[in-house]
N, C-alpha and C. Protein backbone atom coordinates (compact mmCIF):
# COMPACT_ATOMS: atom_id res chain seq x y z
N MET A 1 -30.05 15.99 -41.99
CA MET A 1 -29.34 14.93 -41.36
C MET A 1 -29.23 15.00 -39.84
N ALA A 2 -29.63 13.97 -39.12
CA ALA A 2 -29.66 13.95 -37.63
C ALA A 2 -28.35 13.78 -36.98
N CYS A 3 -28.15 14.32 -35.95
CA CYS A 3 -27.01 14.06 -35.11
C CYS A 3 -27.11 12.80 -34.19
N ALA A 4 -26.07 12.13 -34.03
CA ALA A 4 -26.05 11.00 -33.13
C ALA A 4 -26.11 11.49 -31.70
N ALA A 5 -26.76 10.75 -30.88
CA ALA A 5 -26.83 11.05 -29.51
C ALA A 5 -25.46 10.96 -28.82
N PRO A 6 -25.10 11.61 -27.75
CA PRO A 6 -23.87 11.32 -27.19
C PRO A 6 -23.78 9.92 -26.48
N MET A 7 -22.59 9.32 -26.51
CA MET A 7 -22.47 8.07 -26.00
C MET A 7 -22.68 8.12 -24.51
N GLY A 8 -23.42 7.14 -23.98
CA GLY A 8 -23.53 7.04 -22.48
C GLY A 8 -22.59 6.11 -21.93
N GLN A 9 -22.77 6.08 -20.57
CA GLN A 9 -21.75 5.27 -19.79
C GLN A 9 -21.94 3.71 -20.03
N ARG A 10 -23.19 3.20 -20.13
CA ARG A 10 -23.34 1.82 -20.55
C ARG A 10 -22.73 1.44 -21.88
N GLU A 11 -22.90 2.22 -22.90
CA GLU A 11 -22.27 1.97 -24.24
C GLU A 11 -20.82 1.96 -24.11
N ALA A 12 -20.13 2.99 -23.44
CA ALA A 12 -18.79 3.11 -23.15
C ALA A 12 -18.18 1.85 -22.60
N VAL A 13 -18.82 1.45 -21.41
CA VAL A 13 -18.36 0.38 -20.72
C VAL A 13 -18.42 -0.91 -21.59
N THR A 14 -19.54 -1.15 -22.37
CA THR A 14 -19.75 -2.32 -23.30
C THR A 14 -18.45 -2.20 -24.31
N ARG A 15 -18.30 -1.15 -24.82
CA ARG A 15 -17.10 -1.01 -25.84
C ARG A 15 -15.74 -1.37 -25.20
N ALA A 16 -15.56 -0.72 -24.03
CA ALA A 16 -14.29 -1.03 -23.32
C ALA A 16 -14.17 -2.49 -22.90
N ASN A 17 -15.29 -3.11 -22.55
CA ASN A 17 -15.08 -4.47 -22.21
C ASN A 17 -14.70 -5.39 -23.41
N ARG A 18 -15.31 -5.09 -24.61
CA ARG A 18 -14.89 -5.71 -25.75
C ARG A 18 -13.41 -5.65 -26.21
N SER A 19 -13.14 -4.20 -26.08
CA SER A 19 -11.58 -3.88 -26.44
C SER A 19 -10.70 -4.64 -25.44
N LEU A 20 -10.97 -4.64 -24.13
CA LEU A 20 -10.10 -5.22 -23.11
C LEU A 20 -10.01 -6.76 -23.33
N SER A 21 -11.19 -7.35 -23.72
CA SER A 21 -11.23 -8.80 -23.84
C SER A 21 -10.31 -9.15 -25.16
N THR A 22 -10.36 -8.31 -26.20
CA THR A 22 -9.52 -8.60 -27.29
C THR A 22 -8.18 -8.44 -26.93
N PHE A 23 -7.81 -7.30 -26.29
CA PHE A 23 -6.37 -7.02 -25.78
C PHE A 23 -5.87 -8.28 -25.01
N CYS A 24 -6.77 -8.67 -23.97
CA CYS A 24 -6.25 -9.72 -23.12
C CYS A 24 -6.20 -11.08 -23.74
N ALA A 25 -6.90 -11.24 -24.81
CA ALA A 25 -6.70 -12.66 -25.61
C ALA A 25 -5.28 -12.67 -26.21
N LYS A 26 -4.67 -11.60 -26.32
CA LYS A 26 -3.20 -11.58 -26.86
C LYS A 26 -2.17 -11.50 -25.72
N GLU A 27 -2.53 -10.93 -24.65
CA GLU A 27 -1.60 -10.53 -23.54
C GLU A 27 -1.83 -11.33 -22.22
N ALA A 28 -2.71 -12.17 -22.17
CA ALA A 28 -3.15 -13.00 -21.04
C ALA A 28 -3.03 -12.22 -19.85
N CYS A 29 -4.15 -11.42 -19.61
CA CYS A 29 -4.20 -10.39 -18.47
C CYS A 29 -4.66 -11.10 -17.17
N GLY A 30 -5.39 -12.21 -17.25
CA GLY A 30 -6.11 -12.73 -16.20
C GLY A 30 -7.37 -12.14 -15.78
N PRO A 31 -8.03 -12.48 -14.87
CA PRO A 31 -9.39 -11.80 -14.50
C PRO A 31 -9.16 -10.37 -14.18
N THR A 32 -10.03 -9.58 -14.66
CA THR A 32 -10.10 -8.15 -14.41
C THR A 32 -11.30 -7.68 -13.82
N LYS A 33 -11.38 -6.59 -13.00
CA LYS A 33 -12.62 -6.04 -12.41
C LYS A 33 -12.71 -4.63 -12.82
N LEU A 34 -13.99 -4.30 -13.12
CA LEU A 34 -14.32 -2.81 -13.42
C LEU A 34 -14.18 -2.07 -12.17
N ILE A 35 -13.44 -0.97 -12.35
CA ILE A 35 -13.34 0.05 -11.16
C ILE A 35 -14.37 1.11 -11.33
N LYS A 36 -14.20 1.88 -12.46
CA LYS A 36 -15.03 3.14 -12.77
C LYS A 36 -15.07 3.51 -14.08
N ALA A 37 -15.99 4.20 -14.51
CA ALA A 37 -15.95 4.95 -15.79
C ALA A 37 -16.27 6.36 -15.50
N GLN A 38 -15.46 7.19 -16.22
CA GLN A 38 -15.69 8.73 -16.05
C GLN A 38 -15.61 9.26 -17.45
N ARG A 39 -16.56 10.39 -17.62
CA ARG A 39 -16.54 11.14 -18.76
C ARG A 39 -15.49 12.17 -18.80
N MET A 40 -14.74 12.21 -19.83
CA MET A 40 -13.71 13.29 -19.99
C MET A 40 -14.00 14.09 -21.32
N LYS A 41 -14.63 15.25 -21.09
CA LYS A 41 -15.06 15.96 -22.27
C LYS A 41 -15.87 14.99 -23.16
N ASP A 42 -15.43 14.70 -24.37
CA ASP A 42 -16.27 13.99 -25.36
C ASP A 42 -15.80 12.41 -25.37
N ARG A 43 -15.08 12.02 -24.42
CA ARG A 43 -14.58 10.68 -24.35
C ARG A 43 -14.93 10.00 -23.03
N TRP A 44 -14.71 8.71 -22.92
CA TRP A 44 -14.95 8.01 -21.58
C TRP A 44 -13.61 7.31 -21.33
N LEU A 45 -13.11 7.43 -20.06
CA LEU A 45 -12.03 6.59 -19.56
C LEU A 45 -12.71 5.45 -18.53
N VAL A 46 -12.42 4.28 -18.95
CA VAL A 46 -12.98 3.02 -18.30
C VAL A 46 -11.93 2.45 -17.62
N ASP A 47 -11.85 2.30 -16.26
CA ASP A 47 -10.65 1.82 -15.53
C ASP A 47 -11.07 0.27 -14.98
N TYR A 48 -10.01 -0.54 -15.17
CA TYR A 48 -10.10 -1.93 -14.63
C TYR A 48 -8.92 -2.29 -13.91
N GLU A 49 -8.87 -3.35 -13.08
CA GLU A 49 -7.71 -3.80 -12.42
C GLU A 49 -7.73 -5.37 -12.20
N ASN A 50 -6.59 -5.83 -12.05
CA ASN A 50 -6.43 -7.24 -11.45
C ASN A 50 -5.43 -7.26 -10.43
N GLY A 51 -4.88 -8.36 -10.02
CA GLY A 51 -3.77 -8.34 -8.96
C GLY A 51 -2.63 -7.55 -9.19
N ALA A 52 -2.03 -7.50 -10.42
CA ALA A 52 -0.77 -6.80 -10.71
C ALA A 52 -0.81 -5.57 -11.52
N ARG A 53 -2.00 -5.33 -12.17
CA ARG A 53 -2.07 -4.19 -13.11
C ARG A 53 -3.28 -3.34 -13.15
N PHE A 54 -3.14 -2.17 -13.58
CA PHE A 54 -4.29 -1.35 -13.89
C PHE A 54 -4.40 -1.22 -15.43
N TYR A 55 -5.66 -1.33 -15.85
CA TYR A 55 -6.05 -1.13 -17.39
C TYR A 55 -6.94 0.10 -17.42
N GLY A 56 -6.49 0.97 -18.40
CA GLY A 56 -7.40 2.04 -18.84
C GLY A 56 -7.78 1.91 -20.18
N VAL A 57 -9.14 2.09 -20.47
CA VAL A 57 -9.56 1.99 -21.79
C VAL A 57 -10.23 3.40 -22.23
N MET A 58 -9.66 3.98 -23.04
CA MET A 58 -10.25 5.27 -23.66
C MET A 58 -11.25 5.06 -24.73
N VAL A 59 -12.43 5.45 -24.70
CA VAL A 59 -13.43 5.27 -25.64
C VAL A 59 -13.83 6.57 -26.23
N ASP A 60 -13.60 6.88 -27.53
CA ASP A 60 -13.92 8.21 -28.02
C ASP A 60 -15.35 8.16 -28.57
N ARG A 61 -15.78 9.30 -28.89
CA ARG A 61 -17.29 9.46 -29.33
C ARG A 61 -17.55 8.70 -30.45
N GLY A 62 -16.74 8.22 -31.30
CA GLY A 62 -16.91 7.46 -32.45
C GLY A 62 -16.93 5.95 -32.16
N GLY A 63 -16.64 5.61 -30.84
CA GLY A 63 -16.53 4.19 -30.47
C GLY A 63 -15.33 3.58 -30.61
N ASN A 64 -14.27 4.30 -30.97
CA ASN A 64 -12.81 3.73 -31.09
C ASN A 64 -12.31 3.56 -29.64
N THR A 65 -11.48 2.65 -29.50
CA THR A 65 -10.91 2.44 -28.06
C THR A 65 -9.37 2.35 -28.21
N GLN A 66 -8.92 2.51 -27.03
CA GLN A 66 -7.36 2.47 -26.87
C GLN A 66 -7.07 1.98 -25.41
N VAL A 67 -6.36 0.79 -25.33
CA VAL A 67 -6.03 0.18 -24.04
C VAL A 67 -4.71 0.68 -23.62
N SER A 68 -4.55 1.10 -22.24
CA SER A 68 -3.26 1.45 -21.57
C SER A 68 -3.08 0.54 -20.40
N VAL A 69 -1.91 0.19 -20.07
CA VAL A 69 -1.65 -0.83 -19.03
C VAL A 69 -0.55 -0.16 -18.08
N TRP A 70 -0.88 -0.15 -16.88
CA TRP A 70 0.14 0.21 -15.81
C TRP A 70 0.34 -0.80 -14.70
N ASP A 71 1.52 -1.15 -14.43
CA ASP A 71 1.77 -2.16 -13.40
C ASP A 71 1.57 -1.42 -11.88
N LYS A 72 0.99 -2.24 -10.98
CA LYS A 72 0.59 -1.62 -9.78
C LYS A 72 1.83 -1.34 -8.95
N ASN A 73 2.83 -2.13 -9.04
CA ASN A 73 4.11 -2.14 -8.38
C ASN A 73 5.24 -2.03 -9.41
N PRO A 74 5.53 -0.74 -9.95
CA PRO A 74 6.43 -0.76 -11.05
C PRO A 74 7.92 -1.01 -10.65
N ASN A 75 8.15 -0.82 -9.25
CA ASN A 75 9.63 -1.07 -8.76
C ASN A 75 9.50 -2.02 -7.72
N PRO A 76 9.34 -3.32 -8.06
CA PRO A 76 9.40 -4.35 -6.99
C PRO A 76 10.67 -4.48 -6.21
N THR A 77 10.64 -4.73 -4.89
CA THR A 77 11.90 -4.88 -4.26
C THR A 77 12.48 -6.25 -4.47
N ARG A 78 13.80 -6.20 -4.70
CA ARG A 78 14.42 -7.41 -5.02
C ARG A 78 15.10 -8.01 -3.79
N PRO A 79 15.05 -9.37 -3.68
CA PRO A 79 15.61 -10.04 -2.59
C PRO A 79 17.20 -9.97 -2.52
C-alpha cells in the first residue's frame, strides 16, 4: 500500500478557500484577502482578512478544515 504525498501549500490554500467560502455563505463575511499560508507540523494554517476581521483556516493532512474568526478591533471605543 502506497503512502499519500504530504499536502502542499497550493492544495491547502485551495481547500481553505472552499471552506471559507462555505463559512461566509452563512456568515456574510464580505470580501476577504489571503494573507499567508504556513505549515505547522502536519497541518497548514491559512490566514485571510477583510476590513473588520481575521479568518484562520486550519487544514489537516486529511483535508479537513476548521475556520476561526477574530475581530480586528475587539474593544471598539464607544462615543
